Protein backbone atom coordinates (compact mmCIF):
# COMPACT_ATOMS: atom_id res chain seq x y z
CA MET A 1 -12.27 -13.65 41.85
CA LEU A 2 -9.72 -12.00 39.44
CA SER A 3 -6.65 -10.43 41.15
CA LEU A 4 -4.18 -7.96 39.91
CA THR A 5 -1.05 -9.43 38.87
CA GLU A 6 2.17 -7.55 38.47
CA GLU A 7 2.32 -8.24 34.76
CA MET A 8 -1.22 -6.89 34.43
CA ALA A 9 -0.58 -3.85 36.50
CA GLN A 10 2.72 -2.88 34.70
CA ALA A 11 0.84 -3.13 31.40
CA ILE A 12 -2.04 -1.05 32.39
CA VAL A 13 0.51 1.54 33.63
CA ASP A 14 2.75 1.56 30.45
CA LYS A 15 -0.57 2.15 28.48
CA MET A 16 -1.67 4.87 30.46
CA MET A 17 1.69 6.79 30.19
CA GLU A 18 1.81 6.80 26.77
CA VAL A 19 -1.10 9.20 26.54
CA ILE A 20 -0.79 10.99 29.83
CA PRO A 21 2.49 13.13 30.99
CA TYR A 22 2.50 11.93 34.48
CA ASN A 23 3.58 8.94 36.43
CA VAL A 24 1.18 6.25 37.22
CA ASN A 25 1.22 3.75 40.06
CA ILE A 26 -1.22 0.94 40.59
CA MET A 27 -1.38 -0.56 43.82
CA ASP A 28 -2.85 -4.01 44.87
CA SER A 29 -5.72 -4.86 47.46
CA LYS A 30 -3.04 -4.37 50.15
CA GLY A 31 -1.77 -0.91 49.03
CA ILE A 32 1.67 -2.59 47.59
CA ILE A 33 2.84 -0.69 44.38
CA ILE A 34 2.72 -3.50 41.76
CA GLY A 35 3.27 -1.40 38.56
CA SER A 36 4.77 2.22 38.23
CA GLY A 37 6.30 4.48 35.70
CA ASP A 38 9.12 4.82 38.26
CA LYS A 39 10.85 1.13 39.03
CA GLY A 40 12.31 2.30 42.26
CA ARG A 41 8.81 2.37 43.81
CA LEU A 42 7.84 -1.01 43.16
CA GLY A 43 6.96 -3.24 46.34
CA LYS A 44 6.82 -0.36 48.53
CA GLN A 45 3.27 0.39 50.66
CA HIS A 46 1.69 3.31 49.46
CA LYS A 47 -0.17 5.10 52.34
CA GLY A 48 -2.43 6.94 50.06
CA ALA A 49 -3.57 3.74 48.29
CA VAL A 50 -4.26 2.22 51.67
CA GLU A 51 -6.45 5.30 52.64
CA ALA A 52 -8.22 5.13 49.28
CA LEU A 53 -8.85 1.17 49.82
CA ASN A 54 -10.09 1.78 53.49
CA ASN A 55 -12.32 4.70 52.42
CA ARG A 56 -13.40 3.57 49.14
CA ILE A 57 -13.28 6.99 47.76
CA LEU A 58 -10.26 9.16 45.84
CA ILE A 59 -7.71 10.50 48.08
CA GLU A 60 -5.74 13.50 47.34
CA VAL A 61 -2.34 14.10 48.63
CA TYR A 62 -1.05 17.55 48.36
CA GLU A 63 2.31 17.32 50.47
CA GLU A 64 5.08 14.63 50.21
CA GLN A 65 5.16 12.19 52.64
CA GLU A 66 7.31 8.95 53.36
CA SER A 67 6.31 6.70 50.38
CA VAL A 68 3.89 9.19 49.17
CA LYS A 69 4.25 11.47 46.50
CA PRO A 70 1.73 14.37 45.88
CA GLY A 71 -1.06 13.36 43.52
CA VAL A 72 -4.50 11.44 43.58
CA ASN A 73 -5.36 7.93 44.24
CA MET A 74 -8.70 6.18 43.10
CA PRO A 75 -9.93 2.84 43.96
CA ILE A 76 -10.30 0.45 40.92
CA TYR A 77 -13.62 -1.80 40.97
CA PHE A 78 -13.93 -4.85 39.02
CA ASN A 79 -17.52 -6.69 39.43
CA ASP A 80 -18.09 -4.19 42.32
CA GLU A 81 -15.28 -5.52 44.23
CA ILE A 82 -12.29 -3.37 44.86
CA MET A 83 -9.13 -4.74 43.12
CA GLY A 84 -6.70 -2.13 43.97
CA VAL A 85 -5.93 1.52 43.45
CA ILE A 86 -4.58 3.68 40.79
CA GLY A 87 -2.59 6.56 41.45
CA ILE A 88 -1.35 9.79 39.33
CA SER A 89 1.57 11.93 40.60
CA GLY A 90 1.26 15.44 40.29
CA ALA A 91 -0.33 18.45 41.73
CA PRO A 92 -3.87 17.25 42.63
CA ASP A 93 -5.57 20.07 40.92
CA GLU A 94 -3.90 19.34 37.61
CA VAL A 95 -4.11 15.50 37.61
CA LYS A 96 -7.62 14.99 39.30
CA PRO A 97 -9.56 15.74 35.94
CA LEU A 98 -7.66 12.77 34.69
CA ALA A 99 -8.31 10.42 37.44
CA SER A 100 -11.92 9.27 36.21
CA LEU A 101 -10.77 8.59 32.86
CA VAL A 102 -7.55 6.78 33.87
CA THR A 103 -9.41 4.50 36.15
CA VAL A 104 -12.30 3.89 33.73
CA THR A 105 -9.67 2.89 30.93
CA ALA A 106 -7.98 0.78 33.60
CA GLU A 107 -11.26 -1.17 34.71
CA LEU A 108 -11.83 -1.78 31.00
CA LEU A 109 -8.60 -3.06 30.62
CA ILE A 110 -9.16 -5.43 33.55
CA LYS A 111 -12.37 -6.56 32.07
CA GLN A 112 -10.88 -7.11 28.77
CA GLU A 113 -8.35 -9.33 30.54
CA SER A 114 -10.63 -11.06 32.60
CA VAL A 115 -12.61 -12.00 29.46
CA PHE A 116 -9.52 -13.28 27.83
CA ILE A 117 -8.88 -15.44 30.88
CA GLU A 118 -12.08 -16.89 30.83
CA ARG A 119 -11.72 -17.43 26.94
CA ARG A 120 -8.42 -19.43 27.60
CA LYS A 121 -9.72 -21.38 30.85
CA ARG A 122 -12.76 -22.35 28.29
CA GLU A 123 -10.41 -23.30 25.52
CA LYS A 124 -8.36 -25.33 28.04
CA LYS A 125 -11.45 -27.15 29.11
CA LYS A 126 -12.56 -27.71 25.84
CA GLU A 127 -9.00 -29.19 24.54
CA GLU A 128 -9.21 -31.61 27.55
CA VAL A 129 -12.76 -32.74 26.84
CA LEU A 130 -11.79 -33.35 23.10
CA TYR A 131 -8.72 -35.45 24.16
CA GLN A 132 -10.86 -37.53 26.49
CA TRP A 133 -13.65 -37.85 23.68
CA ALA A 134 -11.05 -38.95 21.28
CA PHE A 135 -9.89 -41.89 23.49
CA SER A 136 -13.22 -42.97 24.60
CA VAL A 137 -14.10 -46.39 23.01
CA ASP A 138 -17.26 -47.31 25.30
CA GLU A 139 -19.85 -45.54 27.09
CA TYR A 140 -19.43 -42.01 28.36
CA SER A 141 -19.55 -41.03 31.85
CA GLN A 142 -22.45 -38.71 33.09
CA GLU A 143 -19.74 -36.10 33.91
CA PHE A 144 -18.04 -36.39 30.60
CA ILE A 145 -21.55 -35.68 28.97
CA LYS A 146 -22.48 -32.73 31.18
CA ALA A 147 -18.77 -31.34 30.42
CA ALA A 148 -19.45 -31.51 26.58
CA ILE A 149 -22.92 -30.09 26.80
CA ASN A 150 -21.46 -27.34 28.80
CA LEU A 151 -19.28 -26.69 26.19
CA GLY A 152 -21.64 -27.01 23.27
CA ILE A 153 -20.36 -30.27 22.02
CA ASP A 154 -23.14 -32.58 20.42
CA LEU A 155 -21.92 -36.12 21.27
CA LYS A 156 -25.02 -37.54 19.23
CA LEU A 157 -24.04 -36.39 15.86
CA PRO A 158 -22.58 -39.17 13.71
CA ARG A 159 -18.93 -38.70 12.96
CA ILE A 160 -15.91 -40.10 11.58
CA ALA A 161 -12.19 -39.37 12.29
CA VAL A 162 -9.72 -38.09 9.99
CA ALA A 163 -6.06 -38.31 10.65
CA VAL A 164 -3.79 -35.73 8.86
CA SER A 165 -0.01 -36.06 9.31
CA ARG A 166 3.22 -35.71 7.22
CA ARG A 167 5.64 -38.43 6.63
CA THR A 168 8.52 -36.16 8.20
CA GLY A 169 8.23 -34.32 11.62
CA THR A 170 7.36 -31.27 10.24
CA VAL A 171 4.70 -29.20 12.24
CA LEU A 172 1.20 -29.27 10.79
CA PRO A 173 -0.15 -25.70 10.42
CA LYS A 174 -3.69 -25.74 12.50
CA SER A 175 -4.65 -22.86 10.51
CA LYS A 176 -4.44 -24.93 7.23
CA LEU A 177 -6.69 -27.74 8.85
CA GLU A 178 -9.30 -25.12 10.19
CA ALA A 179 -10.39 -24.27 6.82
CA PHE A 180 -11.79 -27.83 6.17
CA LEU A 181 -14.12 -27.58 9.33
CA MET A 182 -17.83 -26.68 9.67
CA ALA A 183 -19.81 -26.22 12.67
CA GLN A 184 -19.65 -28.81 15.41
CA GLU A 185 -16.34 -30.19 13.95
CA TYR A 186 -12.94 -29.95 15.92
CA ILE A 187 -9.17 -30.34 15.58
CA ILE A 188 -7.01 -32.29 18.16
CA THR A 189 -3.47 -32.09 17.76
CA MET A 190 -2.15 -35.52 18.76
CA ASP A 191 1.42 -34.28 18.36
CA THR A 192 3.85 -32.00 16.17
CA ASN A 193 3.41 -34.39 13.03
CA THR A 194 -0.36 -35.74 13.60
CA SER A 195 -3.66 -33.96 14.13
CA ILE A 196 -7.22 -35.61 14.23
CA LEU A 197 -10.18 -34.03 12.54
CA LEU A 198 -13.54 -34.80 13.97
CA LEU A 199 -16.07 -34.35 10.99
CA LYS A 200 -19.59 -34.98 10.98
CA LYS A 201 -20.91 -37.80 8.71
CA ASP A 202 -23.54 -36.65 6.47
CA ILE A 203 -24.39 -36.14 2.68
CA ARG A 204 -21.63 -33.69 2.19
CA LEU A 205 -18.78 -35.58 3.62
CA GLU A 206 -17.48 -37.64 0.68
CA LYS A 207 -17.31 -34.45 -1.30
CA ARG A 208 -15.46 -32.67 1.52
CA LEU A 209 -12.96 -35.51 2.05
CA ARG A 210 -12.27 -35.65 -1.77
CA ILE A 211 -11.33 -31.72 -1.86
CA MET A 212 -9.11 -32.42 1.38
CA LYS A 213 -7.38 -35.25 -0.34
CA GLU A 214 -6.64 -33.02 -3.37
CA GLU A 215 -5.39 -30.32 -1.30
CA LEU A 216 -3.27 -32.17 1.20
CA SER A 217 -2.53 -35.75 0.10
CA ASP A 218 -2.40 -35.44 -3.69
CA LYS A 219 0.29 -32.99 -3.33
CA GLY A 220 2.46 -35.30 -1.54
CA ASN A 221 2.77 -33.39 1.62
CA TYR A 222 0.24 -35.14 3.90
CA ILE A 223 -1.19 -38.43 4.73
CA VAL A 224 -4.84 -38.19 5.02
CA THR A 225 -6.41 -41.38 6.90
CA MET A 226 -10.00 -42.21 7.83
CA GLY A 227 -11.62 -44.20 10.27
CA ASN A 228 -15.20 -45.76 10.29
CA ALA A 229 -18.28 -44.02 11.96
CA GLU A 230 -18.41 -45.83 14.96
CA ASP A 231 -20.72 -45.64 17.93
CA TYR A 232 -17.95 -44.23 20.08
CA ILE A 233 -15.61 -41.61 18.16
CA GLY A 234 -12.53 -43.15 19.89
CA LYS A 235 -12.57 -46.12 17.77
CA SER A 236 -12.80 -44.08 14.70
CA VAL A 237 -9.61 -42.19 16.07
CA LYS A 238 -8.11 -45.37 16.78
CA GLU A 239 -8.87 -46.70 13.10
CA ALA A 240 -7.66 -43.44 11.47
CA LEU A 241 -4.33 -43.24 13.32
CA TRP A 242 -3.81 -47.15 12.78
CA THR A 243 -4.15 -46.78 9.18
CA GLY A 244 -1.89 -43.74 8.85
CA ASN A 245 0.92 -45.48 10.86
CA LEU A 246 0.63 -48.37 8.60
CA ILE A 247 1.25 -46.41 5.51
CA LYS A 248 4.21 -45.07 7.06
CA ARG A 249 5.65 -48.43 8.67
CA LEU A 250 5.16 -50.18 5.56
CA GLU A 251 6.47 -47.48 3.42
CA LEU A 252 3.41 -47.34 1.26
CA LYS A 253 3.29 -44.98 -1.79
CA LYS A 254 -0.29 -43.76 -0.85
CA TYR A 255 -1.15 -40.64 0.59
CA SER A 256 -4.69 -41.43 1.60
CA SER A 257 -6.87 -44.36 2.80
CA THR A 258 -9.51 -45.48 4.72
CA TYR A 259 -9.47 -48.27 7.56
CA GLU A 260 -11.69 -50.40 5.42
CA GLU A 261 -9.20 -50.58 2.50
CA MET A 262 -6.38 -51.36 5.05
CA ASP A 263 -8.38 -54.25 6.94
CA MET A 264 -6.72 -57.01 4.92
CA ILE A 265 -3.28 -55.99 6.25
CA GLU A 266 -4.65 -55.80 9.75
CA ALA A 267 -5.79 -59.38 9.53
CA LEU A 268 -2.49 -60.44 8.25
CA SER A 269 -0.63 -58.39 11.06
CA SER A 270 -2.77 -60.44 13.63
CA ILE A 271 -1.46 -63.85 12.48
CA LYS A 272 0.10 -66.35 14.87
CA ASN A 273 3.89 -67.32 14.89
CA LYS A 274 5.09 -63.80 14.24
CA GLU A 275 8.66 -64.90 14.69
CA LYS A 276 8.55 -67.32 12.17
CA TYR A 277 7.56 -64.61 9.75
CA ILE A 278 9.84 -61.92 11.24
CA GLY A 279 12.73 -64.42 10.78
CA ILE A 280 12.10 -64.76 7.02
CA MET A 281 12.67 -61.16 6.41
CA LYS A 282 15.59 -61.21 9.02
CA SER A 283 17.24 -63.59 6.95
CA LEU A 284 17.00 -61.41 3.93
CA GLU A 285 18.42 -58.46 5.87
CA GLU A 286 21.55 -60.39 7.14
CA GLU A 287 22.15 -61.88 3.92
CA GLY A 288 20.92 -59.77 1.52
CA LYS A 289 22.12 -56.57 3.12
CA GLU A 290 24.45 -55.41 0.31
CA VAL A 291 21.61 -55.64 -2.48
CA GLU A 292 19.00 -54.44 -0.15
CA LEU A 293 16.66 -57.49 -0.86
CA ILE A 294 13.96 -56.34 1.46
CA LYS A 295 13.58 -53.01 -0.28
CA THR A 296 13.61 -54.84 -3.35
CA PHE A 297 10.82 -57.16 -2.55
CA ALA A 298 8.72 -54.45 -1.03
CA CYS A 299 9.17 -52.46 -4.54
CA TYR A 300 8.47 -55.45 -6.60
CA PHE A 301 5.18 -56.08 -4.56
CA TYR A 302 3.84 -52.49 -4.72
CA ASN A 303 4.50 -52.50 -8.49
CA ASN A 304 2.43 -55.66 -8.53
CA GLY A 305 5.11 -57.72 -9.71
CA GLU A 306 5.90 -55.88 -12.93
CA LEU A 307 9.61 -56.24 -13.48
CA ASN A 308 10.12 -53.16 -15.64
CA LYS A 309 8.44 -50.68 -13.33
CA THR A 310 10.18 -52.19 -10.31
CA ALA A 311 13.81 -51.92 -11.96
CA GLN A 312 12.98 -48.56 -13.14
CA GLU A 313 12.12 -47.33 -9.95
CA MET A 314 15.04 -49.00 -8.23
CA HIS A 315 17.52 -47.98 -11.03
CA LEU A 316 18.58 -51.37 -11.67
CA HIS A 317 18.87 -53.38 -14.90
CA ARG A 318 16.37 -56.14 -15.33
CA ASN A 319 18.99 -58.72 -15.08
CA SER A 320 20.10 -57.42 -11.94
CA LEU A 321 16.19 -57.14 -10.46
CA ASN A 322 16.11 -60.90 -11.70
CA TYR A 323 19.08 -61.91 -9.84
CA ARG A 324 18.05 -60.13 -6.62
CA LEU A 325 14.43 -62.13 -6.82
CA GLN A 326 16.27 -65.27 -7.33
CA ARG A 327 18.48 -64.53 -4.15
CA ILE A 328 15.16 -63.96 -2.37
CA ASN A 329 14.16 -67.38 -3.38
CA GLU A 330 17.45 -69.15 -2.45
CA ILE A 331 17.69 -67.43 0.99
CA THR A 332 14.10 -67.74 2.12
CA GLY A 333 12.76 -70.86 -0.28
CA LEU A 334 9.80 -68.95 -0.99
CA ASN A 335 9.49 -67.46 -4.79
CA PRO A 336 8.21 -63.89 -5.36
CA LYS A 337 7.05 -64.89 -8.80
CA SER A 338 4.57 -67.46 -7.09
CA TYR A 339 1.36 -65.84 -6.04
CA GLY A 340 1.12 -68.26 -2.90
CA ASP A 341 4.87 -67.45 -1.70
CA LEU A 342 4.29 -64.01 -2.65
CA LEU A 343 1.72 -63.60 -0.06
CA ARG A 344 3.70 -65.57 2.64
CA LEU A 345 6.53 -62.79 1.79
CA PHE A 346 4.40 -60.10 2.03
CA THR A 347 2.89 -61.32 5.39
CA ALA A 348 6.34 -61.72 6.48
CA TYR A 349 7.12 -58.12 5.34
CA ILE A 350 4.09 -56.76 7.38
CA ILE A 351 4.95 -58.74 10.56
CA TYR A 352 8.58 -57.36 10.27
CA LYS A 353 7.84 -53.97 9.95
CA LEU A 354 5.15 -53.63 12.37
CA TYR A 355 6.52 -56.06 15.16
CA LYS A 356 10.59 -56.29 14.73
């Protein structure tokens, strides 16, 4: 059962005293004053309130007594149960006509607070279920299925997960992402930098994703990555997050991608003898630190080996770029201008960025 809190009681008192020229007190179910326009009376027991509670009727007080001033005290009900008492100080004949109005208003405010509390409880439960759903990669428990049904979540709809994040740690505005949602679609905030959207996989999805990428990633603010449509959404979430993390860790220029587009890199990242490949990049790090050989290699690779583009992006003379590529060859024994060696160097770069 909802109980009157001091915060709720004082809020009701403050609202009532904005419209009536009398002091208002609110007492809890034991007759203790928990809200009042006279702060000196807080925490004291109100005898008139105790009498109103015991008799379940309006009590009029005509003479001032210990801890009681003239006025009226009327029980406050919620769902047919007495929650407390509301008192109005003043001559009973003057304030009694206000008693019913003030009490009804107080009960409406309590009902409104009750609805708000229940909504918050439901939202919190929904958030918990969505988090559990996002990390579920195998068969759902009956308890989880029941909780989802109670919240109106259809677990059978085909869906994909879309991860949206910034390259920096700026907080994502949830309202901006909610504009992309339709019925039976949800947002899960993973951290201050990343959110997951669970979208329905239907004939409109491709167009919607294109619009989303145009609005977000094409402006250079966000990275938008998509998992596959899996039997269990947790797998798609994992794929979307992995793809976004990969773009950041490898410092890729792209701002959107699907898991399928990056599966080759995942295959390379699972190669054996990782220490051997990490060692290749560490040798460049140690011996070529002054001229940023690792950064030079990455820029050269992502520009498809085009010397002019690479030199322009790194603000280098072409001869200086050739010197750096020659140093990479000398240090590692691998020639960036040879396709086979280039693949080995790129594999080493991936392993180094992901596992160093």
